[in-house]
């Protein structure tokens, strides 16, 4: 018994250690790339700057697990990179060293290059809101550009950078696809293996409890970063301003290179490699059943979007009509689902759901002569509920932003004429919020398409989506056959990026 307990503690320590190390490496890489590129785009002038300003957000369109499949295919021993090196240098396998992509550092690298835009977006907005005078005063006192950045610009933007970093760490903690494909023991893969592979529900629940502690800590960290942000109307260099940093010809070349590398690694290389594989005969031949799992993704995304849209509209309407702390607290709790990793949410639902389902089945059997199995477990309703809980935050934030732009006088005028709240919501708010509702539905739909761990755990046996199909084919090393559904997921991910750039947030 002591040996089993010691083994369990060792395995748990491995999960904790690997998860923390992944978060540190991926978070550090994302912070360096995001902050550095945001400063270059905000403070310097170099050819292509306006293109890089939005192109640096493109890696967000690439699901991390798809990037993992691509880089494993490119950098493995039999991949084109190592094969080309061996052919060019006339070497064999044992004559050289090459970093292993299927490793913890490799997984952290993949996560870092696709998640750094979270830091970039917030850091760039923070740099754009800073005072010109403070930076130029430091320069006039003899500070070098690097020292002025380190001691003036960076501390002022630190809350925004920390907020972006918190989002990156949440995504790394929630990751399942990269860790599973690279065989890295983390919380998400541990929960999945314990529950489904080994049938050890107690171990899965313990891992989920530990994971929840990490989630709470990250939520608290992210909330704390919101305080202390200072904005100024005297922003950094705009298009017509003199740049804060004057770059030489060599400096401009380095700036272009520094901004090119993240875009190439995070978006261009995965997109081109997927596109090349998708045009092969093998990939085209594998599209015979494409519609079956595309239709599964389609209806799942539509239903989840509809549920989230209705809930978000009701919550935003309630928030606009009530100043109660209880109502605000209830709305805050109901929109925390996005911070919960898919594996944690799925396991957290399955445990109480099993008890409820047993009771419902017993009542149905005793009262109505029901002879089937469990009523809820293994149905699409549970999956839709879990996805709605997870992505309600996305819909609510979008709808609430639109709600804040509607003058309160419209509501007051309608109420003075005797209109009931339901009629006010249907006749006034819903039409005015149609752009926000459309954007919210699109964002939830795309997030549902790309969600992997919750769908894998909770989906019915007869439901296959683009994400699960891509995962299963790639896990069987059939990446060419998975290239077309993966390319569809990548293309769908471009919509949120386009919305960000169109609204000026990126």
Protein backbone atom coordinates (compact mmCIF):
# COMPACT_ATOMS: atom_id res chain seq x y z
CA UNK A 1 0.00 0.00 0.00
CA UNK A 2 2.83 2.41 0.84
CA UNK A 3 4.50 1.59 -2.47
CA UNK A 4 1.27 2.42 -4.35
CA UNK A 5 0.89 5.68 -2.42
CA UNK A 6 4.49 6.64 -3.13
CA UNK A 7 4.02 5.86 -6.83
CA UNK A 8 0.85 8.00 -6.94
CA UNK A 9 2.68 10.89 -5.29
CA UNK A 10 5.54 10.55 -7.77
CA UNK A 11 3.15 10.59 -10.72
CA UNK A 12 1.31 13.61 -9.31
CA UNK A 13 4.60 15.43 -8.77
CA UNK A 14 5.49 14.68 -12.40
CA UNK A 15 2.19 16.15 -13.62
CA UNK A 16 2.66 19.27 -11.49
CA UNK A 17 6.31 19.70 -12.46
CA UNK A 18 5.73 19.24 -16.19
CA UNK A 19 2.74 21.60 -16.21
CA UNK A 20 4.67 24.30 -14.35
CA UNK A 21 7.70 23.94 -16.60
CA UNK A 22 5.51 24.13 -19.72
CA UNK A 23 3.89 27.29 -18.37
CA UNK A 24 7.25 28.89 -17.55
CA UNK A 25 8.89 28.17 -20.93
CA UNK A 26 5.84 28.92 -23.11
CA UNK A 27 4.94 31.99 -21.04
CA UNK A 28 8.50 33.32 -21.18
CA UNK A 29 8.69 32.85 -24.95
CA UNK A 30 5.27 34.48 -25.45
CA UNK A 31 6.21 37.43 -23.22
CA UNK A 32 9.48 38.05 -25.07
CA UNK A 33 7.96 37.78 -28.54
CA UNK A 34 4.79 39.68 -27.72
CA UNK A 35 6.39 42.53 -25.78
CA UNK A 36 9.34 42.95 -28.15
CA UNK A 37 7.23 43.04 -31.31
CA UNK A 38 4.65 45.34 -29.69
CA UNK A 39 7.39 47.84 -28.77
CA UNK A 40 8.94 47.77 -32.24
CA UNK A 41 5.61 48.32 -33.96
CA UNK A 42 4.60 51.09 -31.53
CA UNK A 43 7.83 53.06 -31.17
CA UNK A 44 9.82 52.57 -34.38
CA UNK A 45 9.35 53.07 -38.09
CA UNK A 46 10.53 50.48 -40.59
CA UNK A 47 9.32 49.08 -43.93
CA UNK A 48 6.29 46.84 -43.57
CA UNK A 49 5.42 48.09 -40.08
CA UNK A 50 1.71 48.57 -40.87
CA UNK A 51 1.52 45.04 -42.26
CA UNK A 52 3.26 43.55 -39.24
CA UNK A 53 0.88 45.45 -36.94
CA UNK A 54 -1.94 43.07 -37.90
CA UNK A 55 0.07 40.11 -39.23
CA UNK A 56 1.57 39.51 -35.79
CA UNK A 57 -1.89 38.49 -34.58
CA UNK A 58 -2.32 35.75 -37.23
CA UNK A 59 -0.83 32.87 -35.16
CA UNK A 60 -3.95 33.03 -32.98
CA UNK A 61 -5.80 31.48 -35.92
CA UNK A 62 -3.73 28.28 -35.66
CA UNK A 63 -4.93 25.77 -33.03
CA UNK A 64 -1.95 24.73 -30.94
CA UNK A 65 -2.49 21.02 -31.54
CA UNK A 66 -2.44 21.54 -35.31
CA UNK A 67 0.83 23.48 -35.01
CA UNK A 68 2.20 20.55 -33.00
CA UNK A 69 1.29 18.09 -35.79
CA UNK A 70 2.94 20.31 -38.40
CA UNK A 71 6.22 20.85 -36.53
CA UNK A 72 6.47 17.19 -35.59
CA UNK A 73 6.07 16.28 -39.26
CA UNK A 74 8.66 18.88 -40.30
CA UNK A 75 11.30 18.33 -37.62
CA UNK A 76 11.16 14.59 -36.89
CA UNK A 77 14.07 12.38 -37.93
CA UNK A 78 12.29 11.38 -41.14
CA UNK A 79 10.92 14.87 -41.75
CA UNK A 80 12.04 17.16 -44.57
CA UNK A 81 14.26 19.35 -42.38
CA UNK A 82 16.51 16.61 -40.98
CA UNK A 83 16.40 14.62 -44.19
CA UNK A 84 17.54 17.68 -46.12
CA UNK A 85 20.34 18.37 -43.62
CA UNK A 86 21.61 14.80 -43.87
CA UNK A 87 21.50 14.86 -47.66
CA UNK A 88 23.24 18.23 -47.89
CA UNK A 89 25.99 17.38 -45.38
CA UNK A 90 26.36 13.71 -46.30
CA UNK A 91 25.75 12.61 -42.69
CA UNK A 92 23.94 9.67 -41.17
CA UNK A 93 21.68 9.58 -38.15
CA UNK A 94 24.36 9.29 -35.49
CA UNK A 95 26.66 11.98 -36.87
CA UNK A 96 24.81 15.03 -35.58
CA UNK A 97 22.58 16.34 -32.81
CA UNK A 98 19.16 17.82 -33.48
CA UNK A 99 16.68 19.08 -30.86
CA UNK A 100 13.76 16.75 -30.22
CA UNK A 101 10.47 18.42 -31.07
CA UNK A 102 8.48 15.67 -29.32
CA UNK A 103 9.55 16.83 -25.89
CA UNK A 104 8.49 19.21 -23.17
CA UNK A 105 10.60 22.10 -24.52
CA UNK A 106 9.25 21.33 -28.00
CA UNK A 107 5.68 21.47 -26.76
CA UNK A 108 6.36 24.72 -24.90
CA UNK A 109 7.90 26.16 -28.07
CA UNK A 110 4.80 25.31 -30.12
CA UNK A 111 2.48 26.82 -27.50
CA UNK A 112 4.62 29.94 -27.20
CA UNK A 113 4.69 30.75 -30.92
CA UNK A 114 0.91 30.45 -31.36
CA UNK A 115 -0.11 32.13 -28.08
CA UNK A 116 2.23 35.15 -27.97
CA UNK A 117 -0.41 37.39 -29.70
CA UNK A 118 -2.28 37.55 -26.37
CA UNK A 119 0.69 39.45 -24.95
CA UNK A 120 1.28 41.38 -28.17
CA UNK A 121 -2.26 42.75 -28.38
CA UNK A 122 -2.39 44.02 -24.81
CA UNK A 123 1.22 45.25 -24.77
CA UNK A 124 0.77 47.19 -27.99
CA UNK A 125 -2.38 48.85 -26.65
CA UNK A 126 -0.52 49.76 -23.44
CA UNK A 127 2.47 51.20 -25.30
CA UNK A 128 0.11 53.22 -27.51
CA UNK A 129 -1.54 54.73 -24.41
CA UNK A 130 1.68 55.80 -22.70
CA UNK A 131 2.95 59.34 -22.44
CA UNK A 132 5.42 60.55 -25.01
CA UNK A 133 6.84 63.05 -22.55
CA UNK A 134 8.09 60.53 -20.02
CA UNK A 135 10.07 58.51 -22.54
CA UNK A 136 11.53 61.59 -24.24
CA UNK A 137 12.43 63.12 -20.87
CA UNK A 138 14.41 60.00 -20.03
CA UNK A 139 16.17 60.20 -23.39
CA UNK A 140 16.97 63.90 -22.87
CA UNK A 141 18.64 63.01 -19.56
CA UNK A 142 21.06 60.75 -21.39
CA UNK A 143 19.32 57.41 -21.11
CA UNK A 144 19.89 55.03 -24.01
CA UNK A 145 16.83 53.76 -25.93
CA UNK A 146 17.15 50.38 -24.20
CA UNK A 147 17.46 51.92 -20.75
CA UNK A 148 14.51 54.28 -21.36
CA UNK A 149 12.45 51.30 -22.51
CA UNK A 150 13.49 49.17 -19.54
CA UNK A 151 12.98 51.82 -16.86
CA UNK A 152 10.10 53.90 -18.28
CA UNK A 153 8.03 52.21 -21.00
CA UNK A 154 8.16 48.63 -19.73
CA UNK A 155 7.12 49.33 -16.09
CA UNK A 156 4.16 51.42 -17.31
CA UNK A 157 3.00 48.58 -19.57
CA UNK A 158 3.70 45.82 -17.03
CA UNK A 159 0.04 45.37 -15.92
CA UNK A 160 -1.10 44.89 -19.53
CA UNK A 161 1.77 42.51 -20.27
CA UNK A 162 0.96 40.54 -17.13
CA UNK A 163 -2.68 40.35 -18.20
CA UNK A 164 -1.71 38.94 -21.58
CA UNK A 165 0.70 36.54 -19.91
CA UNK A 166 -2.08 35.32 -17.61
CA UNK A 167 -4.17 34.46 -20.69
CA UNK A 168 -1.22 32.56 -22.18
CA UNK A 169 -0.70 30.60 -18.96
CA UNK A 170 -4.40 29.70 -18.85
CA UNK A 171 -4.19 28.35 -22.39
CA UNK A 172 -1.04 26.36 -21.60
CA UNK A 173 -2.68 24.92 -18.49
CA UNK A 174 -5.76 23.98 -20.52
CA UNK A 175 -3.80 22.45 -23.40
CA UNK A 176 -4.47 18.83 -24.20
CA UNK A 177 -3.69 18.30 -27.86
CA UNK A 178 -0.01 19.34 -27.80
CA UNK A 179 0.77 17.50 -24.59
CA UNK A 180 -1.04 14.36 -25.72
CA UNK A 181 0.62 14.28 -29.14
CA UNK A 182 4.10 14.89 -27.70
CA UNK A 183 3.48 12.41 -24.84
CA UNK A 184 4.04 15.02 -22.11
CA UNK A 185 2.40 14.10 -18.76
CA UNK A 186 0.42 17.21 -17.72
CA UNK A 187 -2.79 17.79 -15.79
CA UNK A 188 -4.98 17.60 -18.91
CA UNK A 189 -3.43 14.39 -20.26
CA UNK A 190 -3.39 12.89 -16.76
CA UNK A 191 -7.11 13.55 -16.30
CA UNK A 192 -7.89 12.09 -19.72
CA UNK A 193 -5.81 8.96 -19.18
CA UNK A 194 -6.99 8.36 -15.62
CA UNK A 195 -10.68 8.69 -16.46
CA UNK A 196 -10.95 7.08 -19.91
CA UNK A 197 -7.88 4.87 -20.33
CA UNK A 198 -7.51 3.43 -16.81
CA UNK A 199 -11.02 3.98 -15.45
CA UNK A 200 -9.64 5.52 -12.26
CA UNK A 201 -12.19 8.23 -11.53
CA UNK A 202 -10.74 9.08 -8.12
CA UNK A 203 -7.32 9.83 -9.59
CA UNK A 204 -8.91 11.95 -12.32
CA UNK A 205 -10.90 13.95 -9.75
CA UNK A 206 -7.79 14.53 -7.64
CA UNK A 207 -5.91 15.81 -10.68
CA UNK A 208 -8.89 18.01 -11.55
CA UNK A 209 -8.89 19.44 -8.01
CA UNK A 210 -5.18 20.26 -8.28
CA UNK A 211 -5.77 21.80 -11.70
CA UNK A 212 -8.59 23.92 -10.28
CA UNK A 213 -6.18 25.41 -7.74
CA UNK A 214 -3.94 26.52 -10.61
CA UNK A 215 -6.96 27.99 -12.43
CA UNK A 216 -8.05 29.97 -9.36
CA UNK A 217 -4.52 31.30 -8.91
CA UNK A 218 -4.36 32.42 -12.55
CA UNK A 219 -7.80 34.06 -12.36
CA UNK A 220 -6.69 35.99 -9.27
CA UNK A 221 -3.45 36.96 -11.00
CA UNK A 222 -5.30 38.17 -14.09
CA UNK A 223 -7.81 40.15 -12.00
CA UNK A 224 -5.01 41.81 -10.07
CA UNK A 225 -3.32 42.97 -13.26
CA UNK A 226 -6.39 45.01 -14.18
CA UNK A 227 -5.67 47.49 -11.39
CA UNK A 228 -3.05 50.14 -11.81
CA UNK A 229 -3.28 50.57 -15.56
CA UNK A 230 -2.75 54.16 -16.50
CA UNK A 231 -3.86 55.48 -19.86
CA UNK A 232 -2.89 58.78 -21.40
CA UNK A 233 -4.25 60.71 -24.32
CA UNK A 234 -0.63 61.56 -25.13
CA UNK A 235 0.11 58.21 -26.73
CA UNK A 236 3.22 56.86 -28.34
CA UNK A 237 4.07 57.59 -31.92
CA UNK A 238 1.15 57.68 -34.28
CA UNK A 239 1.47 57.56 -38.05
CA UNK A 240 2.26 61.28 -38.31
CA UNK A 241 4.47 61.52 -35.22
CA UNK A 242 8.22 61.35 -35.12
CA UNK A 243 9.19 57.84 -33.97
CA UNK A 244 10.56 57.43 -30.47
CA UNK A 245 13.36 55.25 -31.76
CA UNK A 246 15.32 56.22 -34.88
CA UNK A 247 16.57 53.06 -36.54
CA UNK A 248 19.55 52.83 -38.84
CA UNK A 249 19.36 50.78 -42.02
CA UNK A 250 20.77 47.80 -40.14
CA UNK A 251 18.34 48.41 -37.29
CA UNK A 252 15.39 48.45 -39.68
CA UNK A 253 16.54 45.16 -41.18
CA UNK A 254 16.77 43.64 -37.70
CA UNK A 255 13.31 44.98 -36.82
CA UNK A 256 11.84 43.42 -39.96
CA UNK A 257 13.56 40.12 -39.13
CA UNK A 258 12.34 40.23 -35.51
CA UNK A 259 8.73 40.74 -36.63
CA UNK A 260 8.98 38.20 -39.48
CA UNK A 261 10.13 35.30 -37.33
CA UNK A 262 7.01 35.00 -35.10
CA UNK A 263 4.66 35.35 -38.06
CA UNK A 264 6.56 32.76 -40.09
CA UNK A 265 6.83 30.27 -37.23
CA UNK A 266 3.34 30.77 -35.85
CA UNK A 267 1.27 31.07 -39.03
CA UNK A 268 2.98 31.03 -42.43
CA UNK A 269 4.89 27.74 -42.09
CA UNK A 270 1.94 25.76 -40.62
CA UNK A 271 -0.48 27.21 -43.21
CA UNK A 272 1.81 26.52 -46.19
CA UNK A 273 2.67 23.00 -45.03
CA UNK A 274 -0.99 22.17 -44.48
CA UNK A 275 -1.90 23.65 -47.85
CA UNK A 276 0.78 21.58 -49.57
CA UNK A 277 -0.40 18.35 -47.95
CA UNK A 278 -4.06 19.16 -48.64
CA UNK A 279 -3.40 19.18 -52.38
CA UNK A 280 -2.01 15.64 -52.39
CA UNK A 281 -3.99 12.71 -53.77
CA UNK A 282 -4.01 10.99 -50.37
CA UNK A 283 -5.60 14.02 -48.69
CA UNK A 284 -8.20 14.42 -51.42
CA UNK A 285 -9.05 10.71 -51.32
CA UNK A 286 -9.65 10.98 -47.55
CA UNK A 287 -12.39 13.59 -48.01
CA UNK A 288 -15.04 11.01 -48.84
CA UNK A 289 -16.50 11.22 -45.35
CA UNK A 290 -15.60 14.87 -44.80
CA UNK A 291 -19.22 15.95 -44.72
CA UNK A 292 -20.10 13.50 -41.93
CA UNK A 293 -17.77 15.05 -39.36
CA UNK A 294 -18.10 18.55 -40.84
CA UNK A 295 -21.85 18.31 -40.31
CA UNK A 296 -21.22 17.15 -36.73
CA UNK A 297 -19.13 20.25 -36.12
CA UNK A 298 -21.69 22.42 -37.88
CA UNK A 299 -24.75 21.46 -35.86
CA UNK A 300 -22.79 21.33 -32.60
CA UNK A 301 -21.46 24.84 -33.22
CA UNK A 302 -24.87 26.20 -34.23
CA UNK A 303 -26.68 24.80 -31.20
CA UNK A 304 -23.97 25.91 -28.78
CA UNK A 305 -23.93 29.38 -30.35
CA UNK A 306 -27.71 29.67 -29.98
CA UNK A 307 -27.62 28.64 -26.31
CA UNK A 308 -24.76 31.02 -25.51
CA UNK A 309 -26.41 33.84 -27.43
CA UNK A 310 -29.70 33.59 -25.54
CA UNK A 311 -27.94 33.32 -22.18
CA UNK A 312 -25.58 36.21 -22.96
CA UNK A 313 -28.43 38.46 -24.08
CA UNK A 314 -30.40 37.77 -20.90
CA UNK A 315 -27.35 38.30 -18.67
CA UNK A 316 -26.36 41.55 -20.39
CA UNK A 317 -29.95 42.81 -20.16
CA UNK A 318 -30.10 41.94 -16.46
CA UNK A 319 -26.79 43.70 -15.87
CA UNK A 320 -28.04 46.87 -17.60
CA UNK A 321 -31.18 46.92 -15.44
CA UNK A 322 -29.71 46.05 -12.04
CA UNK A 323 -26.99 47.55 -9.90
CA UNK A 324 -27.27 44.83 -7.30
CA UNK A 325 -24.02 43.32 -6.05
CA UNK A 326 -25.74 39.94 -5.91
CA UNK A 327 -26.68 40.16 -9.59
CA UNK A 328 -23.18 41.34 -10.52
CA UNK A 329 -21.63 38.50 -8.53
CA UNK A 330 -23.94 35.93 -10.13
CA UNK A 331 -23.06 37.20 -13.61
CA UNK A 332 -19.36 37.11 -12.74
CA UNK A 333 -19.60 33.50 -11.57
CA UNK A 334 -21.63 32.41 -14.60
CA UNK A 335 -19.00 33.82 -16.98
CA UNK A 336 -15.97 32.17 -15.39
CA UNK A 337 -16.30 29.07 -17.55
CA UNK A 338 -13.81 30.24 -20.17
CA UNK A 339 -11.05 30.05 -17.59
CA UNK A 340 -11.81 26.38 -16.94
CA UNK A 341 -9.83 23.92 -19.10
CA UNK A 342 -11.97 21.62 -21.20
CA UNK A 343 -10.72 18.46 -19.48
CA UNK A 344 -11.40 19.92 -16.02
CA UNK A 345 -14.88 21.04 -17.01
CA UNK A 346 -15.73 17.66 -18.54
CA UNK A 347 -14.60 15.67 -15.51
CA UNK A 348 -16.28 18.13 -13.17
CA UNK A 349 -19.56 17.56 -14.98
CA UNK A 350 -19.31 13.79 -15.32
CA UNK A 351 -18.99 13.10 -11.59
CA UNK A 352 -22.24 14.78 -10.38
CA UNK A 353 -23.97 13.98 -13.65
CA UNK A 354 -23.55 10.27 -13.03
CA UNK A 355 -25.36 10.49 -9.70
CA UNK A 356 -28.15 12.62 -11.17
CA UNK A 357 -28.49 10.30 -14.14
CA UNK A 358 -28.82 7.22 -11.94
CA UNK A 359 -31.62 8.91 -10.01
CA UNK A 360 -33.45 10.02 -13.16
CA UNK A 361 -33.16 6.56 -14.69
CA UNK A 362 -34.54 4.98 -11.52
CA UNK A 363 -37.52 7.38 -11.46
CA UNK A 364 -38.19 6.78 -15.16
CA UNK A 365 -38.01 3.03 -14.67
CA UNK A 366 -40.28 2.97 -11.59
CA UNK A 367 -42.83 5.51 -12.87
CA UNK A 368 -42.95 4.94 -16.62
CA UNK A 369 -41.49 1.49 -17.13
CA UNK A 370 -38.34 2.82 -18.79
CA UNK A 371 -36.02 -0.03 -19.74
CA UNK A 372 -33.08 1.79 -21.34
CA UNK A 373 -29.77 2.81 -19.82
CA UNK A 374 -28.70 6.17 -18.46
CA UNK A 375 -30.71 9.08 -19.84
CA UNK A 376 -28.19 11.94 -19.97
CA UNK A 377 -24.72 10.41 -19.92
CA UNK A 378 -23.26 9.95 -23.39
CA UNK A 379 -25.74 12.30 -25.09
CA UNK A 380 -25.13 15.48 -27.05
CA UNK A 381 -27.06 17.50 -24.45
CA UNK A 382 -24.27 17.12 -21.91
CA UNK A 383 -21.62 18.15 -24.45
CA UNK A 384 -23.65 21.20 -25.52
CA UNK A 385 -24.11 22.21 -21.89
CA UNK A 386 -20.38 21.91 -21.18
CA UNK A 387 -19.42 23.90 -24.28
CA UNK A 388 -22.02 26.55 -23.43
CA UNK A 389 -20.59 26.92 -19.93
CA UNK A 390 -17.09 27.22 -21.36
CA UNK A 391 -17.84 29.74 -24.10
CA UNK A 392 -20.59 31.82 -22.49
CA UNK A 393 -17.91 34.33 -21.48
CA UNK A 394 -17.03 34.98 -25.12
CA UNK A 395 -20.64 35.69 -26.04
CA UNK A 396 -21.35 37.75 -22.92
CA UNK A 397 -18.34 40.04 -23.31
CA UNK A 398 -19.26 40.75 -26.93
CA UNK A 399 -22.96 41.37 -26.23
CA UNK A 400 -22.26 43.39 -23.08
CA UNK A 401 -19.89 45.64 -25.06
CA UNK A 402 -22.68 46.35 -27.52
CA UNK A 403 -25.21 46.85 -24.72
CA UNK A 404 -23.05 49.53 -23.12
CA UNK A 405 -23.38 51.66 -26.28
CA UNK A 406 -27.21 51.76 -26.17
CA UNK A 407 -28.51 54.94 -24.45
CA UNK A 408 -30.41 54.15 -21.22
CA UNK A 409 -33.04 56.71 -22.29
CA UNK A 410 -34.45 54.22 -24.82
CA UNK A 411 -35.16 51.73 -22.07
CA UNK A 412 -36.64 54.43 -19.84
CA UNK A 413 -38.90 55.71 -22.64
CA UNK A 414 -40.19 52.20 -23.37
CA UNK A 415 -40.92 51.53 -19.71
CA UNK A 416 -42.73 54.86 -19.35
CA UNK A 417 -45.05 53.69 -22.14
CA UNK A 418 -45.85 50.51 -20.23
CA UNK A 419 -43.68 48.05 -22.17
CA UNK A 420 -42.77 44.91 -20.28
CA UNK A 421 -39.09 43.88 -19.98
CA UNK A 422 -39.52 41.00 -22.45
CA UNK A 423 -40.98 43.33 -25.07
CA UNK A 424 -38.24 45.92 -24.48
CA UNK A 425 -35.63 43.22 -24.95
CA UNK A 426 -37.23 41.87 -28.14
CA UNK A 427 -38.25 45.15 -29.79
CA UNK A 428 -35.43 47.52 -28.78
CA UNK A 429 -32.30 45.77 -27.54
CA UNK A 430 -32.23 42.76 -29.84
CA UNK A 431 -32.41 44.78 -33.12
CA UNK A 432 -29.84 47.31 -31.92
CA UNK A 433 -27.54 44.52 -30.76
CA UNK A 434 -27.70 42.56 -34.02
CA UNK A 435 -24.04 43.29 -34.98
CA UNK A 436 -22.82 42.28 -31.51
CA UNK A 437 -25.05 39.20 -31.52
CA UNK A 438 -23.69 38.14 -34.91
CA UNK A 439 -20.10 38.61 -33.77
CA UNK A 440 -20.76 36.69 -30.55
CA UNK A 441 -22.38 33.82 -32.44
CA UNK A 442 -19.46 33.63 -34.86
CA UNK A 443 -16.86 33.60 -32.07
CA UNK A 444 -18.67 30.90 -30.08
CA UNK A 445 -19.19 28.83 -33.23
CA UNK A 446 -15.48 28.92 -34.07
CA UNK A 447 -14.39 28.15 -30.50
CA UNK A 448 -16.77 25.17 -30.52
CA UNK A 449 -15.25 23.90 -33.77
CA UNK A 450 -11.75 24.04 -32.31
CA UNK A 451 -12.49 22.66 -28.82
CA UNK A 452 -10.81 19.28 -28.34
CA UNK A 453 -10.58 17.81 -24.78
CA UNK A 454 -14.17 18.44 -23.66
CA UNK A 455 -15.49 17.12 -26.98
CA UNK A 456 -13.32 14.00 -26.79
CA UNK A 457 -14.48 13.17 -23.26
CA UNK A 458 -18.18 14.07 -23.47
CA UNK A 459 -19.17 13.41 -27.09
CA UNK A 460 -21.54 10.56 -27.99
CA UNK A 461 -19.96 7.60 -29.75
CA UNK A 462 -21.67 8.48 -33.02
CA UNK A 463 -20.47 12.11 -33.08
CA UNK A 464 -17.24 13.05 -34.85
CA UNK A 465 -16.16 16.67 -35.33
CA UNK A 466 -13.43 18.29 -37.38
CA UNK A 467 -11.30 18.67 -34.26
CA UNK A 468 -11.69 15.08 -33.05
CA UNK A 469 -11.21 13.73 -36.57
CA UNK A 470 -8.02 15.73 -37.02
CA UNK A 471 -6.77 14.59 -33.61
CA UNK A 472 -7.43 10.91 -34.29
CA UNK A 473 -5.83 10.91 -37.74
CA UNK A 474 -2.78 12.83 -36.52
CA UNK A 475 -2.44 10.51 -33.50
CA UNK A 476 -2.27 7.60 -35.96
CA UNK A 477 0.45 9.51 -37.88
CA UNK A 478 -1.95 10.01 -40.81
CA UNK A 479 -1.28 13.73 -40.99
CA UNK A 480 -1.76 13.98 -44.75
CA UNK A 481 -5.30 12.61 -44.38
CA UNK A 482 -5.89 15.07 -41.52
CA UNK A 483 -4.61 18.07 -43.49
CA UNK A 484 -7.91 19.16 -45.05
CA UNK A 485 -9.99 19.19 -41.82
CA UNK A 486 -7.02 20.85 -40.09
CA UNK A 487 -6.90 23.48 -42.83
CA UNK A 488 -10.62 24.13 -42.38
CA UNK A 489 -10.07 24.69 -38.65
CA UNK A 490 -7.17 27.06 -39.38
CA UNK A 491 -9.25 29.03 -41.89
CA UNK A 492 -12.12 29.27 -39.42
CA UNK A 493 -9.73 30.65 -36.82
CA UNK A 494 -8.97 33.61 -39.07
CA UNK A 495 -12.38 35.16 -38.39
CA UNK A 496 -11.65 36.22 -34.77
CA UNK A 497 -8.32 37.65 -35.94
CA UNK A 498 -10.05 39.65 -38.66
CA UNK A 499 -12.60 40.91 -36.14
CA UNK A 500 -9.79 42.03 -33.85
CA UNK A 501 -7.97 43.91 -36.59
CA UNK A 502 -11.18 45.40 -38.00
CA UNK A 503 -12.21 46.85 -34.64
CA UNK A 504 -8.73 48.22 -34.10
CA UNK A 505 -7.96 46.10 -31.07
CA UNK A 506 -5.00 44.47 -32.71
